[in-house]
PDB file of N, CA and C in Angstrom:
ATOM      1  N   UNK A   1      75.678  87.759  99.536  1.00  0.00           N
ATOM      2  CA  UNK A   1      75.873  89.188  99.609  1.00  0.00           C
ATOM      3  C   UNK A   1      76.513  89.521 100.950  1.00  0.00           C
ATOM      4  N   UNK A   2      77.458  90.430 100.901  1.00  0.00           N
ATOM      5  CA  UNK A   2      78.121  90.913 102.105  1.00  0.00           C
ATOM      6  C   UNK A   2      77.834  92.405 102.216  1.00  0.00           C
ATOM      7  N   UNK A   3      77.351  92.821 103.360  1.00  0.00           N
ATOM      8  CA  UNK A   3      77.129  94.250 103.608  1.00  0.00           C
ATOM      9  C   UNK A   3      78.069  94.694 104.717  1.00  0.00           C
ATOM     10  N   UNK A   4      78.643  95.858 104.540  1.00  0.00           N
ATOM     11  CA  UNK A   4      79.535  96.421 105.555  1.00  0.00           C
ATOM     12  C   UNK A   4      79.026  97.809 105.889  1.00  0.00           C
ATOM     13  N   UNK A   5      78.755  98.060 107.157  1.00  0.00           N
ATOM     14  CA  UNK A   5      78.337  99.386 107.592  1.00  0.00           C
ATOM     15  C   UNK A   5      79.453  99.962 108.449  1.00  0.00           C
ATOM     16  N   UNK A   6      79.994 101.077 108.028  1.00  0.00           N
ATOM     17  CA  UNK A   6      81.074 101.727 108.768  1.00  0.00           C
ATOM     18  C   UNK A   6      80.453 102.499 109.930  1.00  0.00           C
ATOM     19  N   UNK A   7      80.856 102.168 111.135  1.00  0.00           N
ATOM     20  CA  UNK A   7      80.255 102.746 112.338  1.00  0.00           C
ATOM     21  C   UNK A   7      81.000 103.979 112.859  1.00  0.00           C
ATOM     22  N   UNK A   8      82.256 104.150 112.466  1.00  0.00           N
ATOM     23  CA  UNK A   8      83.068 105.215 113.068  1.00  0.00           C
ATOM     24  C   UNK A   8      83.663 106.154 112.002  1.00  0.00           C
ATOM     25  N   UNK A   9      82.824 106.655 111.130  1.00  0.00           N
ATOM     26  CA  UNK A   9      83.270 107.540 110.042  1.00  0.00           C
ATOM     27  C   UNK A   9      84.040 108.747 110.598  1.00  0.00           C
ATOM     28  N   UNK A  10      83.499 109.388 111.626  1.00  0.00           N
ATOM     29  CA  UNK A  10      84.154 110.579 112.190  1.00  0.00           C
ATOM     30  C   UNK A  10      85.559 110.264 112.699  1.00  0.00           C
ATOM     31  N   UNK A  11      85.719 109.141 113.365  1.00  0.00           N
ATOM     32  CA  UNK A  11      87.033 108.753 113.890  1.00  0.00           C
ATOM     33  C   UNK A  11      88.020 108.494 112.750  1.00  0.00           C
ATOM     34  N   UNK A  12      87.547 107.877 111.690  1.00  0.00           N
ATOM     35  CA  UNK A  12      88.421 107.608 110.543  1.00  0.00           C
ATOM     36  C   UNK A  12      88.898 108.911 109.927  1.00  0.00           C
ATOM     37  N   UNK A  13      87.985 109.859 109.769  1.00  0.00           N
ATOM     38  CA  UNK A  13      88.358 111.155 109.199  1.00  0.00           C
ATOM     39  C   UNK A  13      89.354 111.857 110.108  1.00  0.00           C
ATOM     40  N   UNK A  14      89.134 111.807 111.417  1.00  0.00           N
ATOM     41  CA  UNK A  14      90.059 112.456 112.349  1.00  0.00           C
ATOM     42  C   UNK A  14      91.437 111.813 112.303  1.00  0.00           C
ATOM     43  N   UNK A  15      91.504 110.506 112.099  1.00  0.00           N
ATOM     44  CA  UNK A  15      92.796 109.825 112.015  1.00  0.00           C
ATOM     45  C   UNK A  15      93.554 110.261 110.767  1.00  0.00           C
ATOM     46  N   UNK A  16      92.824 110.441 109.686  1.00  0.00           N
ATOM     47  CA  UNK A  16      93.459 110.731 108.405  1.00  0.00           C
ATOM     48  C   UNK A  16      93.653 112.228 108.153  1.00  0.00           C
ATOM     49  N   UNK A  17      92.873 113.048 108.778  1.00  0.00           N
ATOM     50  CA  UNK A  17      92.947 114.501 108.597  1.00  0.00           C
ATOM     51  C   UNK A  17      92.969 115.180 109.959  1.00  0.00           C
ATOM     52  N   UNK A  18      93.143 116.472 109.940  1.00  0.00           N
ATOM     53  CA  UNK A  18      93.155 117.204 111.206  1.00  0.00           C
ATOM     54  C   UNK A  18      91.752 117.281 111.804  1.00  0.00           C
ATOM     55  N   UNK A  19      91.676 117.651 113.065  1.00  0.00           N
ATOM     56  CA  UNK A  19      90.407 117.787 113.762  1.00  0.00           C
ATOM     57  C   UNK A  19      89.519 118.806 113.068  1.00  0.00           C
ATOM     58  N   UNK A  20      90.075 119.932 112.654  1.00  0.00           N
ATOM     59  CA  UNK A  20      89.293 120.980 112.001  1.00  0.00           C
ATOM     60  C   UNK A  20      88.655 120.476 110.718  1.00  0.00           C
ATOM     61  N   UNK A  21      89.416 119.773 109.902  1.00  0.00           N
ATOM     62  CA  UNK A  21      88.886 119.241 108.646  1.00  0.00           C
ATOM     63  C   UNK A  21      87.751 118.265 108.928  1.00  0.00           C
ATOM     64  N   UNK A  22      87.893 117.451 109.971  1.00  0.00           N
ATOM     65  CA  UNK A  22      86.848 116.479 110.282  1.00  0.00           C
ATOM     66  C   UNK A  22      85.544 117.154 110.709  1.00  0.00           C
ATOM     67  N   UNK A  23      85.644 118.360 111.239  1.00  0.00           N
ATOM     68  CA  UNK A  23      84.438 119.082 111.665  1.00  0.00           C
ATOM     69  C   UNK A  23      83.850 119.930 110.532  1.00  0.00           C
ATOM     70  N   UNK A  24      84.689 120.459 109.660  1.00  0.00           N
ATOM     71  CA  UNK A  24      84.241 121.351 108.589  1.00  0.00           C
ATOM     72  C   UNK A  24      83.866 120.571 107.328  1.00  0.00           C
ATOM     73  N   UNK A  25      84.563 119.500 107.041  1.00  0.00           N
ATOM     74  CA  UNK A  25      84.352 118.733 105.804  1.00  0.00           C
ATOM     75  C   UNK A  25      82.901 118.306 105.592  1.00  0.00           C
ATOM     76  N   UNK A  26      82.200 117.829 106.624  1.00  0.00           N
ATOM     77  CA  UNK A  26      80.814 117.407 106.392  1.00  0.00           C
ATOM     78  C   UNK A  26      79.907 118.529 105.874  1.00  0.00           C
ATOM     79  N   UNK A  27      80.314 119.754 106.082  1.00  0.00           N
ATOM     80  CA  UNK A  27      79.524 120.874 105.586  1.00  0.00           C
ATOM     81  C   UNK A  27      79.667 121.043 104.083  1.00  0.00           C
ATOM     82  N   UNK A  28      80.764 120.558 103.509  1.00  0.00           N
ATOM     83  CA  UNK A  28      81.059 120.773 102.101  1.00  0.00           C
ATOM     84  C   UNK A  28      81.087 119.469 101.295  1.00  0.00           C
ATOM     85  N   UNK A  29      81.480 118.391 101.928  1.00  0.00           N
ATOM     86  CA  UNK A  29      81.717 117.134 101.224  1.00  0.00           C
ATOM     87  C   UNK A  29      80.901 116.019 101.875  1.00  0.00           C
ATOM     88  N   UNK A  30      80.504 115.046 101.087  1.00  0.00           N
ATOM     89  CA  UNK A  30      79.854 113.863 101.626  1.00  0.00           C
ATOM     90  C   UNK A  30      80.954 112.958 102.189  1.00  0.00           C
ATOM     91  N   UNK A  31      81.293 113.194 103.443  1.00  0.00           N
ATOM     92  CA  UNK A  31      82.419 112.509 104.085  1.00  0.00           C
ATOM     93  C   UNK A  31      82.178 111.004 104.133  1.00  0.00           C
ATOM     94  N   UNK A  32      80.977 110.599 104.457  1.00  0.00           N
ATOM     95  CA  UNK A  32      80.673 109.170 104.535  1.00  0.00           C
ATOM     96  C   UNK A  32      80.956 108.496 103.193  1.00  0.00           C
ATOM     97  N   UNK A  33      80.549 109.116 102.112  1.00  0.00           N
ATOM     98  CA  UNK A  33      80.783 108.556 100.775  1.00  0.00           C
ATOM     99  C   UNK A  33      82.282 108.447 100.486  1.00  0.00           C
ATOM    100  N   UNK A  34      83.042 109.478 100.852  1.00  0.00           N
ATOM    101  CA  UNK A  34      84.493 109.467 100.608  1.00  0.00           C
ATOM    102  C   UNK A  34      85.168 108.335 101.378  1.00  0.00           C
ATOM    103  N   UNK A  35      84.762 108.114 102.621  1.00  0.00           N
ATOM    104  CA  UNK A  35      85.337 107.031 103.414  1.00  0.00           C
ATOM    105  C   UNK A  35      84.966 105.683 102.792  1.00  0.00           C
ATOM    106  N   UNK A  36      83.712 105.541 102.381  1.00  0.00           N
ATOM    107  CA  UNK A  36      83.278 104.304 101.739  1.00  0.00           C
ATOM    108  C   UNK A  36      84.082 104.044 100.467  1.00  0.00           C
ATOM    109  N   UNK A  37      84.290 105.072  99.662  1.00  0.00           N
ATOM    110  CA  UNK A  37      85.059 104.920  98.423  1.00  0.00           C
ATOM    111  C   UNK A  37      86.495 104.493  98.713  1.00  0.00           C
ATOM    112  N   UNK A  38      87.093 105.054  99.754  1.00  0.00           N
ATOM    113  CA  UNK A  38      88.467 104.692 100.118  1.00  0.00           C
ATOM    114  C   UNK A  38      88.543 103.229 100.565  1.00  0.00           C
ATOM    115  N   UNK A  39      87.553 102.794 101.315  1.00  0.00           N
ATOM    116  CA  UNK A  39      87.538 101.411 101.780  1.00  0.00           C
ATOM    117  C   UNK A  39      87.334 100.454 100.605  1.00  0.00           C
ATOM    118  N   UNK A  40      86.444 100.811  99.698  1.00  0.00           N
ATOM    119  CA  UNK A  40      86.222  99.978  98.512  1.00  0.00           C
ATOM    120  C   UNK A  40      87.503  99.872  97.691  1.00  0.00           C
ATOM    121  N   UNK A  41      88.213 100.961  97.552  1.00  0.00           N
ATOM    122  CA  UNK A  41      89.469 100.940  96.789  1.00  0.00           C
ATOM    123  C   UNK A  41      90.467  99.969  97.433  1.00  0.00           C
ATOM    124  N   UNK A  42      90.567 100.014  98.756  1.00  0.00           N
ATOM    125  CA  UNK A  42      91.481  99.107  99.454  1.00  0.00           C
ATOM    126  C   UNK A  42      91.048  97.649  99.282  1.00  0.00           C
ATOM    127  N   UNK A  43      89.747  97.394  99.359  1.00  0.00           N
ATOM    128  CA  UNK A  43      89.247  96.038  99.150  1.00  0.00           C
ATOM    129  C   UNK A  43      89.569  95.553  97.739  1.00  0.00           C
ATOM    130  N   UNK A  44      89.368  96.409  96.747  1.00  0.00           N
ATOM    131  CA  UNK A  44      89.658  96.043  95.363  1.00  0.00           C
ATOM    132  C   UNK A  44      91.125  95.684  95.181  1.00  0.00           C
ATOM    133  N   UNK A  45      92.010  96.432  95.822  1.00  0.00           N
ATOM    134  CA  UNK A  45      93.443  96.149  95.726  1.00  0.00           C
ATOM    135  C   UNK A  45      93.784  94.784  96.329  1.00  0.00           C
ATOM    136  N   UNK A  46      93.206  94.481  97.483  1.00  0.00           N
ATOM    137  CA  UNK A  46      93.451  93.188  98.122  1.00  0.00           C
ATOM    138  C   UNK A  46      92.882  92.066  97.256  1.00  0.00           C
ATOM    139  N   UNK A  47      91.674  92.257  96.737  1.00  0.00           N
ATOM    140  CA  UNK A  47      91.058  91.243  95.880  1.00  0.00           C
ATOM    141  C   UNK A  47      91.902  91.003  94.647  1.00  0.00           C
ATOM    142  N   UNK A  48      92.411  92.053  94.053  1.00  0.00           N
ATOM    143  CA  UNK A  48      93.241  91.929  92.861  1.00  0.00           C
ATOM    144  C   UNK A  48      94.494  91.101  93.164  1.00  0.00           C
ATOM    145  N   UNK A  49      95.116  91.373  94.303  1.00  0.00           N
ATOM    146  CA  UNK A  49      96.310  90.616  94.714  1.00  0.00           C
ATOM    147  C   UNK A  49      96.013  89.124  94.879  1.00  0.00           C
ATOM    148  N   UNK A  50      94.792  88.812  95.308  1.00  0.00           N
ATOM    149  CA  UNK A  50      94.404  87.426  95.571  1.00  0.00           C
ATOM    150  C   UNK A  50      93.667  86.787  94.389  1.00  0.00           C
ATOM    151  N   UNK A  51      93.609  87.507  93.250  1.00  0.00           N
ATOM    152  CA  UNK A  51      92.905  87.024  92.059  1.00  0.00           C
ATOM    153  C   UNK A  51      91.432  86.732  92.329  1.00  0.00           C
ATOM    154  N   UNK A  52      90.814  87.564  93.163  1.00  0.00           N
ATOM    155  CA  UNK A  52      89.388  87.433  93.466  1.00  0.00           C
ATOM    156  C   UNK A  52      88.640  88.400  92.553  1.00  0.00           C
ATOM    157  N   UNK A  53      87.686  87.858  91.824  1.00  0.00           N
ATOM    158  CA  UNK A  53      86.858  88.688  90.947  1.00  0.00           C
ATOM    159  C   UNK A  53      85.568  88.983  91.695  1.00  0.00           C
ATOM    160  N   UNK A  54      85.296  90.258  91.920  1.00  0.00           N
ATOM    161  CA  UNK A  54      84.113  90.637  92.688  1.00  0.00           C
ATOM    162  C   UNK A  54      83.596  91.989  92.206  1.00  0.00           C
ATOM    163  N   UNK A  55      82.321  92.190  92.412  1.00  0.00           N
ATOM    164  CA  UNK A  55      81.699  93.481  92.135  1.00  0.00           C
ATOM    165  C   UNK A  55      81.414  94.123  93.488  1.00  0.00           C
ATOM    166  N   UNK A  56      81.948  95.295  93.690  1.00  0.00           N
ATOM    167  CA  UNK A  56      81.744  96.011  94.957  1.00  0.00           C
ATOM    168  C   UNK A  56      80.965  97.274  94.633  1.00  0.00           C
ATOM    169  N   UNK A  57      79.827  97.442  95.294  1.00  0.00           N
ATOM    170  CA  UNK A  57      78.986  98.614  95.074  1.00  0.00           C
ATOM    171  C   UNK A  57      78.731  99.325  96.386  1.00  0.00           C
ATOM    172  N   UNK A  58      78.610 100.623  96.298  1.00  0.00           N
ATOM    173  CA  UNK A  58      78.205 101.431  97.449  1.00  0.00           C
ATOM    174  C   UNK A  58      76.746 101.767  97.243  1.00  0.00           C
ATOM    175  N   UNK A  59      75.900 101.347  98.173  1.00  0.00           N
ATOM    176  CA  UNK A  59      74.464 101.608  98.074  1.00  0.00           C
ATOM    177  C   UNK A  59      74.007 102.393  99.291  1.00  0.00           C
ATOM    178  N   UNK A  60      73.153 103.335  99.051  1.00  0.00           N
ATOM    179  CA  UNK A  60      72.567 104.095 100.165  1.00  0.00           C
ATOM    180  C   UNK A  60      71.443 103.286 100.784  1.00  0.00           C
ATOM    181  N   UNK A  61      71.270 103.430 102.066  1.00  0.00           N
ATOM    182  CA  UNK A  61      70.198 102.714 102.775  1.00  0.00           C
ATOM    183  C   UNK A  61      68.878 103.361 102.520  1.00  0.00           C
TER     184      UNK A  61
END
């Protein structure tokens, strides 16, 4: 089993969106979940390219 904990969610959101969105979004959206979903999607794409069959799940602590 491989576990990945994203330590800099706020920085990632600021890189991808404006500063205002990074401050307001957590009030309306589960930002951590959205970042996790984006990372999982990227991992799935890389795995697909390499013919790696894997199950990737997002689990809450």
